[in-house]
Amino acid sequence: MRFVDRTTSTIIENNTSRHTQLVRNYKQFPGQNKFFCGGRFMTSREYWAFILALILLIAPSVLFGIFTCPFIWEKVHPAIPIVFAYLFVLSLTSMIKTSWTDPGIIPRDLDPFPVLERYEDPGSPYSDSTWHHGIPIQKEVRIKDRSWTLRYCDTCRIYRPPRASHCRQCDNCVEVEDHHCIWLNNCIGVRNYRPFILAIVCIILLLMVGGLTLYHCSLILRGITTHEQLRASVMTKHSDLSANPYNKGNPVLNMTYVLCRPRPKSYLRRRKYSPAVN
């Protein structure tokens, strides 16, 4: 997809009238995502789980605030309801930010015509040629003296960067994708992993649900994602952490890198204009 930057509305109107109609990029986005507020926010298409998660968070919190917090305020200490309200607002806003943020979707058609492998098939009765084109060739990069294979995504027509995965629910390749969270109706990737962790921590303190956070904290300390743990793609048979090129060698450094690094810019430029695709 080509992206056309326009700086003024006058340029947009002139190009629209003289040449071809320009529309915002999010209106012709090929993935399985929904956009609203003029492309400022995006999420996936299955809303029921996210709505249920909001109800499970809001309903008990509202009941606690109505019936229990007044008693605690008067009989125990006002600090407890204040801390509870702060954690509730923080968990709610973190959930919404995680659900409505671009997780790090990689633009499509960066490699639309990859070089294909050729193989010989001398026994084929349907062709005069014994050579045929097969799948796209794999590319390799080196990270900390370790070879990493870049696989081609036929849907997005790109070579996926290291740690990127294609989400079947959203139909996008996501940079450093951890997983697709149905409860937040979005992928968890490089751009929304921090509010995702913050939402889990706050919900733990509110609802005492700790298993998921402990699991992701262990991933952070080891410098891996859920995909990498399940596939064991960067680990040796003996779980040698030194074989993971993304491990910083220290749990504190791993946590600092994941939670304190700057959020990268979105590749999509959803509100820019480009020629309409027929």
Protein backbone atom coordinates (compact mmCIF):
# COMPACT_ATOMS: atom_id res chain seq x y z
CA MET A 1 0.00 0.00 0.00
CA ARG A 2 1.37 3.46 -0.87
CA PHE A 3 1.07 6.20 1.69
CA VAL A 4 0.76 9.79 0.53
CA ASP A 5 1.55 12.54 3.05
CA ARG A 6 -0.52 15.74 2.73
CA THR A 7 0.24 18.80 4.81
CA THR A 8 -2.75 21.01 4.08
CA SER A 9 -6.39 20.48 3.26
CA THR A 10 -5.98 22.64 0.14
CA ILE A 11 -3.54 20.18 -1.41
CA ILE A 12 -5.91 17.33 -0.61
CA GLU A 13 -8.90 19.07 -2.20
CA ASN A 14 -6.95 20.02 -5.34
CA ASN A 15 -5.61 16.50 -5.85
CA THR A 16 -9.05 15.04 -5.23
CA SER A 17 -10.71 17.20 -7.84
CA ARG A 18 -7.99 17.01 -10.50
CA HIS A 19 -6.75 13.46 -10.26
CA THR A 20 -8.09 10.64 -8.14
CA GLN A 21 -10.07 10.48 -4.95
CA LEU A 22 -7.97 10.33 -1.80
CA VAL A 23 -9.21 8.52 1.27
CA ARG A 24 -7.68 7.99 4.66
CA ASN A 25 -5.56 4.87 4.92
CA TYR A 26 -7.62 3.27 7.69
CA LYS A 27 -10.69 3.14 5.42
CA GLN A 28 -8.95 0.71 3.06
CA PHE A 29 -6.93 -1.18 5.65
CA PRO A 30 -6.82 -4.87 4.58
CA GLY A 31 -6.67 -6.46 8.05
CA GLN A 32 -9.54 -7.68 10.22
CA ASN A 33 -9.65 -4.55 12.38
CA LYS A 34 -12.21 -1.90 13.23
CA PHE A 35 -11.35 1.80 13.32
CA PHE A 36 -13.28 4.61 14.98
CA CYS A 37 -12.91 8.33 15.79
CA GLY A 38 -11.48 8.98 12.34
CA GLY A 39 -8.86 6.24 12.60
CA ARG A 40 -7.43 7.46 15.90
CA PHE A 41 -8.34 4.20 17.64
CA MET A 42 -8.39 0.63 16.40
CA THR A 43 -9.31 -2.79 17.74
CA SER A 44 -10.26 -6.24 16.49
CA ARG A 45 -13.72 -7.40 15.42
CA GLU A 46 -14.83 -9.59 18.34
CA TYR A 47 -16.27 -7.32 21.00
CA TRP A 48 -18.10 -9.75 23.28
CA ALA A 49 -15.08 -10.87 25.31
CA PHE A 50 -13.84 -7.31 25.86
CA ILE A 51 -17.30 -6.16 26.93
CA LEU A 52 -17.52 -9.12 29.32
CA ALA A 53 -14.10 -8.26 30.75
CA LEU A 54 -15.21 -4.67 31.33
CA ILE A 55 -18.37 -5.87 33.07
CA LEU A 56 -16.40 -8.24 35.31
CA LEU A 57 -14.13 -5.35 36.27
CA ILE A 58 -16.68 -2.56 36.61
CA ALA A 59 -19.61 -4.37 38.28
CA PRO A 60 -17.78 -5.68 41.41
CA SER A 61 -15.84 -2.43 41.71
CA VAL A 62 -19.00 -0.31 41.62
CA LEU A 63 -20.74 -2.53 44.19
CA PHE A 64 -17.68 -2.35 46.43
CA GLY A 65 -17.56 1.42 46.06
CA ILE A 66 -21.25 1.87 46.85
CA PHE A 67 -21.74 -0.53 49.74
CA THR A 68 -18.31 -1.08 51.31
CA CYS A 69 -16.19 2.00 50.72
CA PRO A 70 -18.37 4.35 52.84
CA PHE A 71 -18.02 2.05 55.84
CA ILE A 72 -14.25 1.71 55.34
CA TRP A 73 -13.92 5.47 54.92
CA GLU A 74 -15.58 6.15 58.29
CA LYS A 75 -14.59 3.13 60.38
CA VAL A 76 -11.16 2.13 59.04
CA HIS A 77 -9.22 4.73 57.04
CA PRO A 78 -9.95 6.96 54.02
CA ALA A 79 -6.73 5.84 52.33
CA ILE A 80 -8.16 2.43 51.42
CA PRO A 81 -11.06 3.72 49.23
CA ILE A 82 -8.71 6.29 47.67
CA VAL A 83 -6.17 3.64 46.72
CA PHE A 84 -8.98 1.40 45.47
CA ALA A 85 -10.40 4.16 43.26
CA TYR A 86 -6.94 4.93 41.88
CA LEU A 87 -6.26 1.29 41.03
CA PHE A 88 -9.71 0.93 39.45
CA VAL A 89 -9.23 3.95 37.18
CA LEU A 90 -5.70 2.85 36.29
CA SER A 91 -6.78 -0.70 35.44
CA LEU A 92 -9.75 0.50 33.38
CA THR A 93 -7.74 3.02 31.37
CA SER A 94 -4.92 0.50 30.84
CA MET A 95 -7.38 -2.07 29.49
CA ILE A 96 -8.90 0.45 27.10
CA LYS A 97 -5.50 1.69 25.94
CA THR A 98 -4.31 -1.87 25.31
CA SER A 99 -7.48 -2.71 23.40
CA TRP A 100 -7.60 0.45 21.26
CA THR A 101 -3.89 0.87 20.43
CA ASP A 102 -2.05 -0.31 17.34
CA PRO A 103 -0.01 -3.23 18.74
CA GLY A 104 2.74 -2.80 16.16
CA ILE A 105 1.17 -3.92 12.88
CA ILE A 106 3.71 -4.19 10.07
CA PRO A 107 2.64 -2.65 6.73
CA ARG A 108 1.83 -5.06 3.91
CA ASP A 109 3.36 -5.48 0.46
CA LEU A 110 6.89 -4.60 1.51
CA ASP A 111 8.13 -7.63 -0.48
CA PRO A 112 5.35 -8.33 -3.00
CA PHE A 113 7.55 -10.28 -5.43
CA PRO A 114 9.93 -12.50 -3.45
CA VAL A 115 12.47 -14.74 -5.11
CA LEU A 116 11.04 -18.27 -5.30
CA GLU A 117 12.91 -21.48 -4.81
CA ARG A 118 13.25 -23.68 -7.90
CA TYR A 119 13.09 -27.44 -7.77
CA GLU A 120 13.37 -30.15 -10.39
CA ASP A 121 10.48 -32.51 -11.04
CA PRO A 122 11.50 -34.85 -13.89
CA GLY A 123 8.45 -37.06 -13.48
CA SER A 124 5.78 -34.41 -14.01
CA PRO A 125 3.49 -35.40 -16.95
CA TYR A 126 1.75 -32.01 -17.04
CA SER A 127 4.66 -29.78 -18.01
CA ASP A 128 7.42 -29.83 -20.58
CA SER A 129 9.78 -28.13 -18.15
CA THR A 130 11.33 -30.11 -15.33
CA TRP A 131 11.96 -26.99 -13.24
CA HIS A 132 9.22 -25.44 -11.13
CA HIS A 133 8.96 -22.50 -8.78
CA GLY A 134 8.19 -23.31 -5.17
CA ILE A 135 7.90 -21.32 -1.97
CA PRO A 136 9.71 -18.00 -1.37
CA ILE A 137 13.29 -18.40 -0.27
CA GLN A 138 14.11 -17.78 3.37
CA LYS A 139 16.37 -14.93 4.41
CA GLU A 140 18.72 -14.91 7.34
CA VAL A 141 19.97 -12.17 9.65
CA ARG A 142 22.46 -12.33 12.49
CA ILE A 143 21.71 -11.07 15.99
CA LYS A 144 24.53 -11.28 18.50
CA ASP A 145 26.38 -13.81 16.35
CA ARG A 146 23.28 -16.00 16.10
CA SER A 147 21.57 -16.78 12.80
CA TRP A 148 17.86 -15.92 12.60
CA THR A 149 15.61 -17.09 9.76
CA LEU A 150 13.14 -14.59 8.28
CA ARG A 151 10.05 -16.37 7.01
CA TYR A 152 7.85 -15.00 4.26
CA CYS A 153 4.20 -14.25 5.02
CA ASP A 154 2.05 -14.97 1.96
CA THR A 155 -0.88 -12.99 3.38
CA CYS A 156 0.96 -9.76 4.17
CA ARG A 157 3.57 -10.34 1.44
CA ILE A 158 6.49 -9.41 3.65
CA TYR A 159 9.46 -11.08 5.28
CA ARG A 160 8.56 -11.07 8.95
CA PRO A 161 11.20 -9.43 11.17
CA PRO A 162 12.61 -11.42 14.09
CA ARG A 163 10.05 -12.04 16.86
CA ALA A 164 7.16 -10.97 14.61
CA SER A 165 4.18 -13.29 14.08
CA HIS A 166 1.04 -13.32 11.95
CA CYS A 167 -2.19 -13.12 13.96
CA ARG A 168 -4.99 -15.19 12.47
CA GLN A 169 -7.71 -13.28 14.32
CA CYS A 170 -6.57 -9.83 13.17
CA ASP A 171 -4.99 -11.07 9.92
CA ASN A 172 -1.89 -8.92 10.44
CA CYS A 173 1.79 -9.43 11.07
CA VAL A 174 2.61 -7.83 14.42
CA GLU A 175 6.06 -6.77 15.57
CA VAL A 176 7.23 -8.64 18.70
CA GLU A 177 3.78 -10.20 19.05
CA ASP A 178 3.29 -11.92 22.38
CA HIS A 179 -0.23 -13.28 21.80
CA HIS A 180 -3.76 -12.29 20.77
CA CYS A 181 -5.80 -11.46 23.86
CA ILE A 182 -9.49 -12.16 23.24
CA TRP A 183 -10.41 -10.45 26.55
CA LEU A 184 -8.94 -7.18 25.31
CA ASN A 185 -9.91 -7.80 21.67
CA ASN A 186 -6.46 -6.99 20.35
CA CYS A 187 -3.01 -8.38 19.76
CA ILE A 188 -0.39 -7.75 22.41
CA GLY A 189 2.75 -6.50 20.71
CA VAL A 190 5.59 -4.04 20.95
CA ARG A 191 3.36 -0.93 21.17
CA ASN A 192 0.82 -2.02 23.80
CA TYR A 193 2.66 -4.54 25.95
CA ARG A 194 3.40 -2.00 28.71
CA PRO A 195 -0.25 -0.94 29.33
CA PHE A 196 -1.19 -4.63 29.13
CA ILE A 197 1.18 -5.43 32.01
CA LEU A 198 -0.05 -2.39 33.94
CA ALA A 199 -3.67 -3.48 33.52
CA ILE A 200 -2.90 -6.95 34.82
CA VAL A 201 -1.00 -5.63 37.85
CA CYS A 202 -3.85 -3.29 38.79
CA ILE A 203 -6.49 -5.98 38.33
CA ILE A 204 -4.44 -8.30 40.53
CA LEU A 205 -4.47 -5.75 43.31
CA LEU A 206 -8.22 -5.28 42.84
CA LEU A 207 -9.45 -8.82 42.19
CA MET A 208 -6.51 -10.96 43.40
CA VAL A 209 -6.02 -12.69 40.06
CA GLY A 210 -2.30 -13.37 39.91
CA GLY A 211 -1.52 -16.31 37.64
CA LEU A 212 -1.34 -14.42 34.36
CA THR A 213 0.84 -11.65 35.73
CA LEU A 214 3.28 -14.05 37.36
CA TYR A 215 3.56 -15.86 34.04
CA HIS A 216 4.31 -12.70 32.05
CA CYS A 217 6.70 -11.43 34.71
CA SER A 218 8.66 -14.65 34.33
CA LEU A 219 8.73 -14.09 30.55
CA ILE A 220 10.00 -10.55 31.04
CA LEU A 221 12.72 -11.66 33.44
CA ARG A 222 13.89 -14.24 30.91
CA GLY A 223 13.59 -11.87 27.94
CA ILE A 224 11.23 -14.04 25.87
CA THR A 225 7.64 -13.91 24.59
CA THR A 226 4.83 -16.44 24.84
CA HIS A 227 5.35 -17.53 21.22
CA GLU A 228 9.03 -18.14 21.82
CA GLN A 229 8.41 -20.17 24.94
CA LEU A 230 5.79 -22.37 23.27
CA ARG A 231 7.82 -22.91 20.13
CA ALA A 232 11.18 -22.98 21.90
CA SER A 233 12.55 -21.13 18.88
CA VAL A 234 15.31 -19.30 20.68
CA MET A 235 15.99 -21.74 23.51
CA THR A 236 18.22 -24.78 23.55
CA LYS A 237 17.11 -28.21 24.63
CA HIS A 238 18.45 -27.50 28.11
CA SER A 239 16.77 -24.06 28.36
CA ASP A 240 20.07 -22.23 28.23
CA LEU A 241 19.19 -18.55 28.54
CA SER A 242 22.49 -17.53 26.94
CA ALA A 243 21.16 -18.92 23.63
CA ASN A 244 18.42 -16.28 23.58
CA PRO A 245 19.81 -13.24 21.70
CA TYR A 246 17.21 -10.97 23.33
CA ASN A 247 18.13 -11.89 26.88
CA LYS A 248 20.03 -9.02 28.50
CA GLY A 249 21.78 -11.38 30.88
CA ASN A 250 20.07 -9.97 33.95
CA PRO A 251 16.39 -10.17 35.07
CA VAL A 252 16.42 -6.52 36.13
CA LEU A 253 17.76 -5.41 32.73
CA ASN A 254 15.16 -7.56 30.94
CA MET A 255 12.32 -5.98 32.94
CA THR A 256 13.73 -2.48 32.43
CA TYR A 257 14.02 -3.03 28.67
CA VAL A 258 10.43 -4.27 28.28
CA LEU A 259 8.65 -1.86 30.62
CA CYS A 260 10.75 1.31 30.34
CA ARG A 261 11.73 1.48 26.66
CA PRO A 262 10.09 4.18 24.49
CA ARG A 263 7.02 3.07 22.58
CA PRO A 264 7.86 2.94 18.85
CA LYS A 265 5.84 4.90 16.33
CA SER A 266 3.04 3.21 14.43
CA TYR A 267 3.83 2.13 10.87
CA LEU A 268 0.25 2.47 9.66
CA ARG A 269 -0.21 6.26 9.42
CA ARG A 270 -3.95 5.62 9.54
CA ARG A 271 -5.07 9.24 9.16
CA LYS A 272 -2.87 10.07 6.17
CA TYR A 273 -4.30 10.08 2.66
CA SER A 274 -3.57 7.72 -0.21
CA PRO A 275 -5.21 6.99 -3.57
CA ALA A 276 -8.40 4.96 -3.33
CA VAL A 277 -8.01 1.30 -4.24
CA ASN A 278 -10.64 -0.02 -6.65
